[in-house]
């Protein structure tokens, strides 16, 4: 489930969709009703003093900005400012319940998708001011841009498709708002502590072109200097391989055949598979579990034995392969009649 479907009221989504339409206006019945609902939601949040709905506040602020309600936009931005994380000359917002990053990374990992999307909506809110963003809006916007661009991966995207679309929209809008034609085009110079030096001239003809150069010495110290006027986005990308951390499995599975080997002539025609499965994770029980038993070439499941292992907690799909859909598992081994603790299936030649 996407963050927007978890936290964003349906009227806000309606407003977003209508705002993309050239016929968008507050007099449309659906838009008017959506705004009324959103204003009521915002009043309820203010009354509760809800500090855990940063994501919802960001979306509400953008919705009111699209509708031209500058008073509500300013109110929510003021509320968001009290919850902002300000560090390294950048500004961003975090969900109180966001997942904790693993400590095994050798670098600062990307922010979760919801964080990127949420901050992009705040940036869009600042840039969607009427008649135009104030100098204070742009001063805050550039600090948000600094944080968002740090979350981009080496391909220019972010954590997911959804946050990539919103973040690129916000960055594009920032580029359009701050764009100005200047005779002093930016010149970017990259120099190492050794002899390496490379210049990139940014002009109107190539300002949307990706320019890149390999850095010869890794590790190494490099300085980036910019002269002229304009806004330039520079990114360094380091690629390397690491061994994945070995993690404990959340399930215990034991499989045994009867007979154990095919030396017995009986095993040439049919055999049984006994499955013992239990949940060993940190929660009291698992969600639905699917056990997929692949067939040995030339064998099919015998339907009478399939029916015997069925029960209230097991749903079985019979096909060329055998799929067992289990409602939930606990740390006790699954017990299905007629054999306690085992799922026994019999397979025969066809």
C-alpha atoms as a PDB file:
ATOM      1  CA  UNK A   1       0.000   0.000   0.000  1.00  0.00           C
ATOM      2  CA  UNK A   2       1.406   3.366  -0.954  1.00  0.00           C
ATOM      3  CA  UNK A   3       1.879   6.106   1.653  1.00  0.00           C
ATOM      4  CA  UNK A   4      -0.732   8.270  -0.021  1.00  0.00           C
ATOM      5  CA  UNK A   5      -3.403   5.601   0.270  1.00  0.00           C
ATOM      6  CA  UNK A   6      -2.573   5.125   3.954  1.00  0.00           C
ATOM      7  CA  UNK A   7      -2.647   8.744   5.082  1.00  0.00           C
ATOM      8  CA  UNK A   8      -4.088  10.987   2.377  1.00  0.00           C
ATOM      9  CA  UNK A   9      -7.839  11.650   2.523  1.00  0.00           C
ATOM     10  CA  UNK A  10      -9.630  10.784  -0.709  1.00  0.00           C
ATOM     11  CA  UNK A  11     -10.744  14.423  -1.261  1.00  0.00           C
ATOM     12  CA  UNK A  12      -7.096  15.483  -1.464  1.00  0.00           C
ATOM     13  CA  UNK A  13      -6.443  12.946  -4.206  1.00  0.00           C
ATOM     14  CA  UNK A  14      -9.539  14.234  -6.019  1.00  0.00           C
ATOM     15  CA  UNK A  15      -8.167  17.761  -5.748  1.00  0.00           C
ATOM     16  CA  UNK A  16      -4.757  16.717  -7.100  1.00  0.00           C
ATOM     17  CA  UNK A  17      -6.337  15.049 -10.121  1.00  0.00           C
ATOM     18  CA  UNK A  18      -8.586  18.009 -10.880  1.00  0.00           C
ATOM     19  CA  UNK A  19      -5.699  20.442 -10.483  1.00  0.00           C
ATOM     20  CA  UNK A  20      -4.029  18.877 -13.499  1.00  0.00           C
ATOM     21  CA  UNK A  21      -7.072  19.738 -15.599  1.00  0.00           C
ATOM     22  CA  UNK A  22      -7.069  23.065 -17.413  1.00  0.00           C
ATOM     23  CA  UNK A  23     -10.703  23.502 -16.327  1.00  0.00           C
ATOM     24  CA  UNK A  24      -9.767  23.286 -12.634  1.00  0.00           C
ATOM     25  CA  UNK A  25     -11.597  25.815 -10.492  1.00  0.00           C
ATOM     26  CA  UNK A  26     -12.926  25.927  -6.969  1.00  0.00           C
ATOM     27  CA  UNK A  27     -16.493  26.329  -8.251  1.00  0.00           C
ATOM     28  CA  UNK A  28     -16.578  22.744  -9.486  1.00  0.00           C
ATOM     29  CA  UNK A  29     -18.831  20.773  -7.093  1.00  0.00           C
ATOM     30  CA  UNK A  30     -16.363  17.930  -6.604  1.00  0.00           C
ATOM     31  CA  UNK A  31     -13.509  20.355  -5.872  1.00  0.00           C
ATOM     32  CA  UNK A  32     -15.615  22.491  -3.551  1.00  0.00           C
ATOM     33  CA  UNK A  33     -16.697  19.442  -1.529  1.00  0.00           C
ATOM     34  CA  UNK A  34     -13.118  18.142  -1.420  1.00  0.00           C
ATOM     35  CA  UNK A  35     -11.833  21.459  -0.063  1.00  0.00           C
ATOM     36  CA  UNK A  36     -14.546  21.553   2.586  1.00  0.00           C
ATOM     37  CA  UNK A  37     -13.606  18.055   3.725  1.00  0.00           C
ATOM     38  CA  UNK A  38      -9.894  18.911   3.802  1.00  0.00           C
ATOM     39  CA  UNK A  39     -10.487  22.077   5.812  1.00  0.00           C
ATOM     40  CA  UNK A  40     -12.449  20.019   8.332  1.00  0.00           C
ATOM     41  CA  UNK A  41      -9.620  17.467   8.500  1.00  0.00           C
ATOM     42  CA  UNK A  42      -7.057  20.207   9.087  1.00  0.00           C
ATOM     43  CA  UNK A  43      -9.138  21.719  11.909  1.00  0.00           C
ATOM     44  CA  UNK A  44      -9.364  18.295  13.555  1.00  0.00           C
ATOM     45  CA  UNK A  45      -5.595  17.837  13.307  1.00  0.00           C
ATOM     46  CA  UNK A  46      -5.017  21.282  14.823  1.00  0.00           C
ATOM     47  CA  UNK A  47      -7.416  20.534  17.670  1.00  0.00           C
ATOM     48  CA  UNK A  48      -5.705  17.214  18.440  1.00  0.00           C
ATOM     49  CA  UNK A  49      -2.236  18.718  18.145  1.00  0.00           C
ATOM     50  CA  UNK A  50      -1.329  15.700  16.038  1.00  0.00           C
ATOM     51  CA  UNK A  51       2.434  15.670  15.547  1.00  0.00           C
ATOM     52  CA  UNK A  52       2.559  12.213  13.962  1.00  0.00           C
ATOM     53  CA  UNK A  53       0.878  13.168  10.673  1.00  0.00           C
ATOM     54  CA  UNK A  54       3.728  14.990   8.966  1.00  0.00           C
ATOM     55  CA  UNK A  55       3.018  13.187   5.704  1.00  0.00           C
ATOM     56  CA  UNK A  56      -0.641  14.204   5.782  1.00  0.00           C
ATOM     57  CA  UNK A  57       0.253  17.816   6.578  1.00  0.00           C
ATOM     58  CA  UNK A  58       2.592  17.983   3.590  1.00  0.00           C
ATOM     59  CA  UNK A  59      -0.131  16.729   1.263  1.00  0.00           C
ATOM     60  CA  UNK A  60      -2.765  19.029   2.747  1.00  0.00           C
ATOM     61  CA  UNK A  61      -0.457  22.024   2.338  1.00  0.00           C
ATOM     62  CA  UNK A  62       0.077  21.224  -1.339  1.00  0.00           C
ATOM     63  CA  UNK A  63      -3.649  20.651  -1.884  1.00  0.00           C
ATOM     64  CA  UNK A  64      -4.499  24.077  -0.425  1.00  0.00           C
ATOM     65  CA  UNK A  65      -1.685  25.660  -2.447  1.00  0.00           C
ATOM     66  CA  UNK A  66      -3.143  24.197  -5.646  1.00  0.00           C
ATOM     67  CA  UNK A  67      -6.558  25.540  -4.664  1.00  0.00           C
ATOM     68  CA  UNK A  68      -5.108  29.004  -4.101  1.00  0.00           C
ATOM     69  CA  UNK A  69      -5.908  29.031  -0.379  1.00  0.00           C
ATOM     70  CA  UNK A  70      -2.785  30.870   0.727  1.00  0.00           C
ATOM     71  CA  UNK A  71      -3.947  31.275   4.332  1.00  0.00           C
ATOM     72  CA  UNK A  72      -4.309  27.528   4.906  1.00  0.00           C
ATOM     73  CA  UNK A  73      -1.075  26.923   2.995  1.00  0.00           C
ATOM     74  CA  UNK A  74       0.775  29.313   5.313  1.00  0.00           C
ATOM     75  CA  UNK A  75      -0.823  27.808   8.437  1.00  0.00           C
ATOM     76  CA  UNK A  76       0.292  24.282   7.588  1.00  0.00           C
ATOM     77  CA  UNK A  77       3.771  25.394   6.507  1.00  0.00           C
ATOM     78  CA  UNK A  78       4.136  27.160   9.855  1.00  0.00           C
ATOM     79  CA  UNK A  79       3.097  23.964  11.643  1.00  0.00           C
ATOM     80  CA  UNK A  80       5.531  21.912   9.554  1.00  0.00           C
ATOM     81  CA  UNK A  81       8.365  24.302  10.371  1.00  0.00           C
ATOM     82  CA  UNK A  82       8.165  23.302  14.040  1.00  0.00           C
ATOM     83  CA  UNK A  83       8.761  19.660  13.062  1.00  0.00           C
ATOM     84  CA  UNK A  84      11.522  20.222  10.495  1.00  0.00           C
ATOM     85  CA  UNK A  85      14.927  18.576  10.836  1.00  0.00           C
ATOM     86  CA  UNK A  86      17.543  21.249  10.140  1.00  0.00           C
ATOM     87  CA  UNK A  87      21.112  20.043   9.698  1.00  0.00           C
ATOM     88  CA  UNK A  88      24.072  20.561   7.333  1.00  0.00           C
ATOM     89  CA  UNK A  89      22.409  23.677   5.902  1.00  0.00           C
ATOM     90  CA  UNK A  90      19.524  21.529   4.657  1.00  0.00           C
ATOM     91  CA  UNK A  91      15.933  21.019   5.791  1.00  0.00           C
ATOM     92  CA  UNK A  92      13.774  17.907   5.661  1.00  0.00           C
ATOM     93  CA  UNK A  93      10.952  16.137   7.478  1.00  0.00           C
ATOM     94  CA  UNK A  94      10.758  12.611   8.849  1.00  0.00           C
ATOM     95  CA  UNK A  95       7.907  10.390   9.964  1.00  0.00           C
ATOM     96  CA  UNK A  96       8.090   9.621  13.702  1.00  0.00           C
ATOM     97  CA  UNK A  97       7.482   5.926  13.002  1.00  0.00           C
ATOM     98  CA  UNK A  98       9.864   5.582  10.055  1.00  0.00           C
ATOM     99  CA  UNK A  99      11.961   2.353   9.870  1.00  0.00           C
ATOM    100  CA  UNK A 100      15.419   2.545  11.411  1.00  0.00           C
ATOM    101  CA  UNK A 101      18.311   2.292   8.964  1.00  0.00           C
ATOM    102  CA  UNK A 102      20.649  -0.659   9.222  1.00  0.00           C
ATOM    103  CA  UNK A 103      24.072   0.137  10.688  1.00  0.00           C
ATOM    104  CA  UNK A 104      25.897  -2.187   8.316  1.00  0.00           C
ATOM    105  CA  UNK A 105      26.072   0.303   5.435  1.00  0.00           C
ATOM    106  CA  UNK A 106      29.410   1.899   4.612  1.00  0.00           C
ATOM    107  CA  UNK A 107      27.587   4.990   3.379  1.00  0.00           C
ATOM    108  CA  UNK A 108      24.545   7.014   4.342  1.00  0.00           C
ATOM    109  CA  UNK A 109      21.606   5.085   2.837  1.00  0.00           C
ATOM    110  CA  UNK A 110      18.794   6.701   0.888  1.00  0.00           C
ATOM    111  CA  UNK A 111      15.778   7.941   2.792  1.00  0.00           C
ATOM    112  CA  UNK A 112      12.642   5.769   2.607  1.00  0.00           C
ATOM    113  CA  UNK A 113      10.255   6.408  -0.260  1.00  0.00           C
ATOM    114  CA  UNK A 114       7.642   8.100   1.945  1.00  0.00           C
ATOM    115  CA  UNK A 115      10.226  10.587   3.252  1.00  0.00           C
ATOM    116  CA  UNK A 116      11.306  11.604  -0.256  1.00  0.00           C
ATOM    117  CA  UNK A 117       7.721  11.983  -1.447  1.00  0.00           C
ATOM    118  CA  UNK A 118       6.714  13.950   1.658  1.00  0.00           C
ATOM    119  CA  UNK A 119       9.584  16.431   1.310  1.00  0.00           C
ATOM    120  CA  UNK A 120       8.900  16.809  -2.399  1.00  0.00           C
ATOM    121  CA  UNK A 121       5.316  17.822  -1.595  1.00  0.00           C
ATOM    122  CA  UNK A 122       6.558  20.453   0.870  1.00  0.00           C
ATOM    123  CA  UNK A 123       8.875  21.780  -1.845  1.00  0.00           C
ATOM    124  CA  UNK A 124       5.979  21.908  -4.319  1.00  0.00           C
ATOM    125  CA  UNK A 125       3.920  23.774  -1.723  1.00  0.00           C
ATOM    126  CA  UNK A 126       6.607  26.440  -1.328  1.00  0.00           C
ATOM    127  CA  UNK A 127       6.874  26.863  -5.095  1.00  0.00           C
ATOM    128  CA  UNK A 128       3.084  26.954  -5.621  1.00  0.00           C
ATOM    129  CA  UNK A 129       2.546  30.415  -4.193  1.00  0.00           C
ATOM    130  CA  UNK A 130       0.432  33.183  -5.659  1.00  0.00           C
ATOM    131  CA  UNK A 131       1.400  35.368  -7.361  1.00  0.00           C
ATOM    132  CA  UNK A 132       4.951  33.994  -6.958  1.00  0.00           C
ATOM    133  CA  UNK A 133       7.178  32.447  -4.268  1.00  0.00           C
ATOM    134  CA  UNK A 134       8.687  34.975  -1.880  1.00  0.00           C
ATOM    135  CA  UNK A 135      12.452  35.216  -1.271  1.00  0.00           C
ATOM    136  CA  UNK A 136      11.831  33.462   2.068  1.00  0.00           C
ATOM    137  CA  UNK A 137      10.051  30.612   0.245  1.00  0.00           C
ATOM    138  CA  UNK A 138      12.969  30.202  -2.168  1.00  0.00           C
ATOM    139  CA  UNK A 139      15.532  30.345   0.648  1.00  0.00           C
ATOM    140  CA  UNK A 140      13.781  27.428   2.369  1.00  0.00           C
ATOM    141  CA  UNK A 141      13.202  25.640  -0.946  1.00  0.00           C
ATOM    142  CA  UNK A 142      16.902  25.516  -1.817  1.00  0.00           C
ATOM    143  CA  UNK A 143      17.644  23.855   1.535  1.00  0.00           C
ATOM    144  CA  UNK A 144      14.987  21.207   0.821  1.00  0.00           C
ATOM    145  CA  UNK A 145      16.410  20.718  -2.674  1.00  0.00           C
ATOM    146  CA  UNK A 146      19.813  20.087  -1.115  1.00  0.00           C
ATOM    147  CA  UNK A 147      18.374  17.253   0.986  1.00  0.00           C
ATOM    148  CA  UNK A 148      16.270  15.737  -1.824  1.00  0.00           C
ATOM    149  CA  UNK A 149      19.150  15.626  -4.302  1.00  0.00           C
ATOM    150  CA  UNK A 150      21.249  13.737  -1.756  1.00  0.00           C
ATOM    151  CA  UNK A 151      18.672  10.927  -1.881  1.00  0.00           C
ATOM    152  CA  UNK A 152      19.011  10.365  -5.636  1.00  0.00           C
ATOM    153  CA  UNK A 153      20.614   7.163  -6.815  1.00  0.00           C
ATOM    154  CA  UNK A 154      23.244   6.911  -9.531  1.00  0.00           C
ATOM    155  CA  UNK A 155      20.539   6.676 -12.220  1.00  0.00           C
ATOM    156  CA  UNK A 156      18.808   9.894 -11.154  1.00  0.00           C
ATOM    157  CA  UNK A 157      15.849   8.169  -9.511  1.00  0.00           C
ATOM    158  CA  UNK A 158      14.872   7.546  -5.914  1.00  0.00           C
ATOM    159  CA  UNK A 159      13.583   4.628  -3.831  1.00  0.00           C
ATOM    160  CA  UNK A 160      10.449   3.838  -5.851  1.00  0.00           C
ATOM    161  CA  UNK A 161       8.489   4.912  -8.906  1.00  0.00           C
ATOM    162  CA  UNK A 162       6.026   6.942  -6.849  1.00  0.00           C
ATOM    163  CA  UNK A 163       8.541   9.078  -4.971  1.00  0.00           C
ATOM    164  CA  UNK A 164      10.672   9.455  -8.121  1.00  0.00           C
ATOM    165  CA  UNK A 165       7.747  10.967 -10.041  1.00  0.00           C
ATOM    166  CA  UNK A 166       6.881  13.444  -7.276  1.00  0.00           C
ATOM    167  CA  UNK A 167      10.500  14.368  -6.500  1.00  0.00           C
ATOM    168  CA  UNK A 168      11.423  14.968 -10.150  1.00  0.00           C
ATOM    169  CA  UNK A 169       8.278  17.062 -10.531  1.00  0.00           C
ATOM    170  CA  UNK A 170       9.324  19.183  -7.544  1.00  0.00           C
ATOM    171  CA  UNK A 171      12.932  19.543  -8.723  1.00  0.00           C
ATOM    172  CA  UNK A 172      11.776  20.463 -12.233  1.00  0.00           C
ATOM    173  CA  UNK A 173       9.443  23.100 -10.835  1.00  0.00           C
ATOM    174  CA  UNK A 174      12.269  24.488  -8.707  1.00  0.00           C
ATOM    175  CA  UNK A 175      14.479  24.675 -11.797  1.00  0.00           C
ATOM    176  CA  UNK A 176      11.736  26.494 -13.717  1.00  0.00           C
ATOM    177  CA  UNK A 177      11.055  28.981 -10.912  1.00  0.00           C
ATOM    178  CA  UNK A 178      14.719  29.834 -10.358  1.00  0.00           C
ATOM    179  CA  UNK A 179      15.770  29.806 -14.024  1.00  0.00           C
ATOM    180  CA  UNK A 180      17.172  33.030 -15.419  1.00  0.00           C
ATOM    181  CA  UNK A 181      19.066  33.780 -18.606  1.00  0.00           C
ATOM    182  CA  UNK A 182      22.499  35.134 -17.801  1.00  0.00           C
ATOM    183  CA  UNK A 183      25.503  36.071 -19.885  1.00  0.00           C
ATOM    184  CA  UNK A 184      27.795  34.590 -17.223  1.00  0.00           C
ATOM    185  CA  UNK A 185      27.150  30.896 -17.806  1.00  0.00           C
ATOM    186  CA  UNK A 186      28.376  28.521 -15.072  1.00  0.00           C
ATOM    187  CA  UNK A 187      31.762  26.858 -15.394  1.00  0.00           C
ATOM    188  CA  UNK A 188      32.348  23.772 -13.225  1.00  0.00           C
ATOM    189  CA  UNK A 189      35.933  22.754 -12.485  1.00  0.00           C
ATOM    190  CA  UNK A 190      36.891  19.455 -10.838  1.00  0.00           C
ATOM    191  CA  UNK A 191      40.439  19.130  -9.543  1.00  0.00           C
ATOM    192  CA  UNK A 192      42.194  16.402  -7.624  1.00  0.00           C
ATOM    193  CA  UNK A 193      45.044  16.764  -5.166  1.00  0.00           C
ATOM    194  CA  UNK A 194      47.244  15.449  -7.994  1.00  0.00           C
ATOM    195  CA  UNK A 195      47.292  16.363 -11.670  1.00  0.00           C
ATOM    196  CA  UNK A 196      43.690  15.565 -12.632  1.00  0.00           C
ATOM    197  CA  UNK A 197      41.565  18.511 -13.777  1.00  0.00           C
ATOM    198  CA  UNK A 198      38.340  18.666 -15.790  1.00  0.00           C
ATOM    199  CA  UNK A 199      36.050  21.553 -16.784  1.00  0.00           C
ATOM    200  CA  UNK A 200      32.357  21.518 -17.695  1.00  0.00           C
ATOM    201  CA  UNK A 201      30.877  24.571 -19.399  1.00  0.00           C
ATOM    202  CA  UNK A 202      27.122  24.864 -18.800  1.00  0.00           C
ATOM    203  CA  UNK A 203      25.288  26.747 -21.565  1.00  0.00           C
ATOM    204  CA  UNK A 204      21.701  27.038 -22.774  1.00  0.00           C
ATOM    205  CA  UNK A 205      22.454  24.480 -25.482  1.00  0.00           C
ATOM    206  CA  UNK A 206      23.606  21.791 -23.029  1.00  0.00           C
ATOM    207  CA  UNK A 207      22.081  22.720 -19.664  1.00  0.00           C
ATOM    208  CA  UNK A 208      19.804  19.637 -19.758  1.00  0.00           C
ATOM    209  CA  UNK A 209      22.598  17.332 -20.955  1.00  0.00           C
ATOM    210  CA  UNK A 210      24.208  14.893 -18.528  1.00  0.00           C
ATOM    211  CA  UNK A 211      27.967  15.447 -18.507  1.00  0.00           C
ATOM    212  CA  UNK A 212      30.240  13.084 -16.630  1.00  0.00           C
ATOM    213  CA  UNK A 213      33.863  12.107 -16.199  1.00  0.00           C
ATOM    214  CA  UNK A 214      35.553   9.160 -14.424  1.00  0.00           C
ATOM    215  CA  UNK A 215      37.693  10.051 -11.420  1.00  0.00           C
ATOM    216  CA  UNK A 216      41.097   8.354 -11.746  1.00  0.00           C
ATOM    217  CA  UNK A 217      42.143   7.955  -8.111  1.00  0.00           C
ATOM    218  CA  UNK A 218      39.848   6.191  -5.631  1.00  0.00           C
ATOM    219  CA  UNK A 219      40.098   6.956  -2.782  1.00  0.00           C
ATOM    220  CA  UNK A 220      41.158  10.532  -3.384  1.00  0.00           C
ATOM    221  CA  UNK A 221      40.429  14.176  -2.608  1.00  0.00           C
ATOM    222  CA  UNK A 222      38.616  16.239  -5.236  1.00  0.00           C
ATOM    223  CA  UNK A 223      37.479  19.861  -5.211  1.00  0.00           C
ATOM    224  CA  UNK A 224      34.510  21.153  -7.202  1.00  0.00           C
ATOM    225  CA  UNK A 225      34.479  24.868  -7.993  1.00  0.00           C
ATOM    226  CA  UNK A 226      31.763  26.795  -9.816  1.00  0.00           C
ATOM    227  CA  UNK A 227      32.075  30.234 -11.376  1.00  0.00           C
ATOM    228  CA  UNK A 228      29.515  32.323 -13.236  1.00  0.00           C
ATOM    229  CA  UNK A 229      25.798  32.559 -12.496  1.00  0.00           C
ATOM    230  CA  UNK A 230      23.220  29.809 -12.343  1.00  0.00           C
ATOM    231  CA  UNK A 231      22.342  26.577 -10.555  1.00  0.00           C
ATOM    232  CA  UNK A 232      24.355  23.406 -11.226  1.00  0.00           C
ATOM    233  CA  UNK A 233      23.644  19.913  -9.922  1.00  0.00           C
ATOM    234  CA  UNK A 234      26.753  17.783  -9.312  1.00  0.00           C
ATOM    235  CA  UNK A 235      26.709  14.186  -8.112  1.00  0.00           C
ATOM    236  CA  UNK A 236      29.433  11.653  -7.357  1.00  0.00           C
ATOM    237  CA  UNK A 237      28.753   7.938  -7.786  1.00  0.00           C
ATOM    238  CA  UNK A 238      30.829   5.182  -6.213  1.00  0.00           C
ATOM    239  CA  UNK A 239      30.012   1.575  -7.125  1.00  0.00           C
ATOM    240  CA  UNK A 240      31.324  -1.425  -5.237  1.00  0.00           C
ATOM    241  CA  UNK A 241      30.234  -4.899  -4.163  1.00  0.00           C
ATOM    242  CA  UNK A 242      29.713  -6.115  -0.608  1.00  0.00           C
ATOM    243  CA  UNK A 243      28.777  -9.498   0.810  1.00  0.00           C
ATOM    244  CA  UNK A 244      25.178  -9.605   1.948  1.00  0.00           C
ATOM    245  CA  UNK A 245      24.661  -9.975   5.649  1.00  0.00           C
ATOM    246  CA  UNK A 246      23.532 -13.481   6.533  1.00  0.00           C
ATOM    247  CA  UNK A 247      20.115 -13.352   8.131  1.00  0.00           C
ATOM    248  CA  UNK A 248      18.234 -15.951  10.091  1.00  0.00           C
ATOM    249  CA  UNK A 249      15.257 -17.458   8.302  1.00  0.00           C
ATOM    250  CA  UNK A 250      11.817 -16.730   9.732  1.00  0.00           C
ATOM    251  CA  UNK A 251      10.636 -20.279   9.019  1.00  0.00           C
ATOM    252  CA  UNK A 252      11.775 -23.776   9.835  1.00  0.00           C
ATOM    253  CA  UNK A 253      11.143 -26.388   7.157  1.00  0.00           C
ATOM    254  CA  UNK A 254      11.932 -30.092   7.176  1.00  0.00           C
ATOM    255  CA  UNK A 255      11.211 -32.330   4.203  1.00  0.00           C
ATOM    256  CA  UNK A 256      11.404 -36.110   4.118  1.00  0.00           C
ATOM    257  CA  UNK A 257      10.369 -38.690   1.538  1.00  0.00           C
ATOM    258  CA  UNK A 258       8.989 -42.156   2.161  1.00  0.00           C
ATOM    259  CA  UNK A 259      10.783 -44.280   1.104  1.00  0.00           C
ATOM    260  CA  UNK A 260      14.009 -42.335   1.639  1.00  0.00           C
ATOM    261  CA  UNK A 261      15.588 -43.716  -1.547  1.00  0.00           C
ATOM    262  CA  UNK A 262      14.317 -45.179  -4.782  1.00  0.00           C
ATOM    263  CA  UNK A 263      16.143 -48.492  -4.263  1.00  0.00           C
ATOM    264  CA  UNK A 264      12.867 -50.097  -3.256  1.00  0.00           C
ATOM    265  CA  UNK A 265      10.731 -50.999  -6.303  1.00  0.00           C
ATOM    266  CA  UNK A 266       7.753 -49.412  -4.536  1.00  0.00           C
ATOM    267  CA  UNK A 267       9.447 -46.026  -4.772  1.00  0.00           C
ATOM    268  CA  UNK A 268       9.536 -46.330  -8.550  1.00  0.00           C
ATOM    269  CA  UNK A 269       5.758 -45.951  -8.740  1.00  0.00           C
ATOM    270  CA  UNK A 270       4.776 -43.775  -5.775  1.00  0.00           C
ATOM    271  CA  UNK A 271       6.285 -42.015  -2.783  1.00  0.00           C
ATOM    272  CA  UNK A 272       5.231 -39.717   0.045  1.00  0.00           C
ATOM    273  CA  UNK A 273       6.568 -36.291   0.961  1.00  0.00           C
ATOM    274  CA  UNK A 274       6.375 -35.268   4.610  1.00  0.00           C
ATOM    275  CA  UNK A 275       6.605 -31.521   5.355  1.00  0.00           C
ATOM    276  CA  UNK A 276       7.146 -30.067   8.815  1.00  0.00           C
ATOM    277  CA  UNK A 277       6.962 -26.288   8.879  1.00  0.00           C
ATOM    278  CA  UNK A 278       6.857 -23.740  11.697  1.00  0.00           C
ATOM    279  CA  UNK A 279       7.335 -19.999  12.115  1.00  0.00           C
ATOM    280  CA  UNK A 280      10.450 -18.901  14.034  1.00  0.00           C
ATOM    281  CA  UNK A 281      10.294 -15.129  13.582  1.00  0.00           C
ATOM    282  CA  UNK A 282       9.910 -12.386  16.173  1.00  0.00           C
ATOM    283  CA  UNK A 283       6.132 -11.951  15.878  1.00  0.00           C
ATOM    284  CA  UNK A 284       3.525 -14.164  17.586  1.00  0.00           C
ATOM    285  CA  UNK A 285       2.500 -15.585  14.212  1.00  0.00           C
ATOM    286  CA  UNK A 286       3.134 -15.101  10.530  1.00  0.00           C
ATOM    287  CA  UNK A 287       0.804 -13.888   7.836  1.00  0.00           C
ATOM    288  CA  UNK A 288      -0.372 -16.217   5.077  1.00  0.00           C
ATOM    289  CA  UNK A 289       2.280 -18.713   3.975  1.00  0.00           C
ATOM    290  CA  UNK A 290       2.470 -20.507   0.631  1.00  0.00           C
ATOM    291  CA  UNK A 291       4.378 -23.780   0.375  1.00  0.00           C
ATOM    292  CA  UNK A 292       5.153 -24.638  -3.247  1.00  0.00           C
ATOM    293  CA  UNK A 293       6.022 -28.309  -3.771  1.00  0.00           C
ATOM    294  CA  UNK A 294       7.599 -28.869  -7.175  1.00  0.00           C
ATOM    295  CA  UNK A 295       6.804 -32.186  -8.820  1.00  0.00           C
ATOM    296  CA  UNK A 296       9.436 -34.710  -9.784  1.00  0.00           C
ATOM    297  CA  UNK A 297       9.332 -35.214 -13.539  1.00  0.00           C
ATOM    298  CA  UNK A 298       6.732 -37.845 -14.423  1.00  0.00           C
ATOM    299  CA  UNK A 299       4.820 -37.698 -11.108  1.00  0.00           C
ATOM    300  CA  UNK A 300       1.533 -36.047 -10.124  1.00  0.00           C
ATOM    301  CA  UNK A 301      -0.168 -35.654  -6.707  1.00  0.00           C
ATOM    302  CA  UNK A 302      -2.741 -38.336  -5.910  1.00  0.00           C
ATOM    303  CA  UNK A 303      -6.009 -36.560  -5.130  1.00  0.00           C
ATOM    304  CA  UNK A 304      -7.184 -38.844  -2.280  1.00  0.00           C
ATOM    305  CA  UNK A 305      -4.064 -37.978  -0.263  1.00  0.00           C
ATOM    306  CA  UNK A 306      -4.440 -34.298  -1.126  1.00  0.00           C
ATOM    307  CA  UNK A 307      -7.923 -34.268   0.395  1.00  0.00           C
ATOM    308  CA  UNK A 308      -6.672 -35.893   3.589  1.00  0.00           C
ATOM    309  CA  UNK A 309      -4.239 -33.051   4.368  1.00  0.00           C
ATOM    310  CA  UNK A 310      -6.835 -30.347   3.794  1.00  0.00           C
ATOM    311  CA  UNK A 311      -8.323 -28.555   6.771  1.00  0.00           C
ATOM    312  CA  UNK A 312      -9.467 -25.181   8.130  1.00  0.00           C
ATOM    313  CA  UNK A 313      -5.912 -23.804   8.088  1.00  0.00           C
ATOM    314  CA  UNK A 314      -4.776 -25.258   4.767  1.00  0.00           C
ATOM    315  CA  UNK A 315      -5.978 -24.427   1.272  1.00  0.00           C
ATOM    316  CA  UNK A 316      -4.604 -26.631  -1.503  1.00  0.00           C
ATOM    317  CA  UNK A 317      -4.314 -25.901  -5.197  1.00  0.00           C
ATOM    318  CA  UNK A 318      -3.901 -29.066  -7.266  1.00  0.00           C
ATOM    319  CA  UNK A 319      -2.066 -28.717 -10.563  1.00  0.00           C
ATOM    320  CA  UNK A 320       1.122 -30.051 -12.109  1.00  0.00           C
ATOM    321  CA  UNK A 321       2.761 -28.634  -8.968  1.00  0.00           C
ATOM    322  CA  UNK A 322       1.386 -28.672  -5.439  1.00  0.00           C
ATOM    323  CA  UNK A 323       0.688 -25.365  -3.665  1.00  0.00           C
ATOM    324  CA  UNK A 324      -0.306 -25.269  -0.009  1.00  0.00           C
ATOM    325  CA  UNK A 325      -1.706 -21.937   1.175  1.00  0.00           C
ATOM    326  CA  UNK A 326      -1.540 -21.729   4.975  1.00  0.00           C
ATOM    327  CA  UNK A 327      -3.532 -19.075   6.822  1.00  0.00           C
ATOM    328  CA  UNK A 328      -0.872 -18.397   9.464  1.00  0.00           C
ATOM    329  CA  UNK A 329       1.922 -20.178  11.287  1.00  0.00           C
ATOM    330  CA  UNK A 330       3.155 -19.957  14.873  1.00  0.00           C
ATOM    331  CA  UNK A 331       6.265 -21.303  16.567  1.00  0.00           C
ATOM    332  CA  UNK A 332       4.461 -24.640  16.949  1.00  0.00           C
ATOM    333  CA  UNK A 333       4.786 -27.089  14.094  1.00  0.00           C
ATOM    334  CA  UNK A 334       1.783 -27.188  11.803  1.00  0.00           C
ATOM    335  CA  UNK A 335      -0.492 -30.081  12.730  1.00  0.00           C
ATOM    336  CA  UNK A 336      -2.819 -31.387  10.044  1.00  0.00           C
ATOM    337  CA  UNK A 337      -4.782 -34.611  10.312  1.00  0.00           C
ATOM    338  CA  UNK A 338      -4.458 -37.470   9.776  1.00  0.00           C
ATOM    339  CA  UNK A 339      -0.773 -37.262  10.748  1.00  0.00           C
ATOM    340  CA  UNK A 340      -0.010 -34.747  13.529  1.00  0.00           C
ATOM    341  CA  UNK A 341       2.847 -32.376  12.810  1.00  0.00           C
ATOM    342  CA  UNK A 342       3.203 -33.441   9.193  1.00  0.00           C
ATOM    343  CA  UNK A 343       1.775 -32.616   5.804  1.00  0.00           C
ATOM    344  CA  UNK A 344       1.949 -35.894   3.916  1.00  0.00           C
ATOM    345  CA  UNK A 345       1.305 -35.966   0.189  1.00  0.00           C
ATOM    346  CA  UNK A 346       1.490 -39.017  -2.019  1.00  0.00           C
ATOM    347  CA  UNK A 347       2.684 -38.755  -5.600  1.00  0.00           C
ATOM    348  CA  UNK A 348       2.419 -41.367  -8.317  1.00  0.00           C
ATOM    349  CA  UNK A 349       3.417 -41.905 -11.914  1.00  0.00           C
ATOM    350  CA  UNK A 350       1.098 -40.712 -14.672  1.00  0.00           C
END
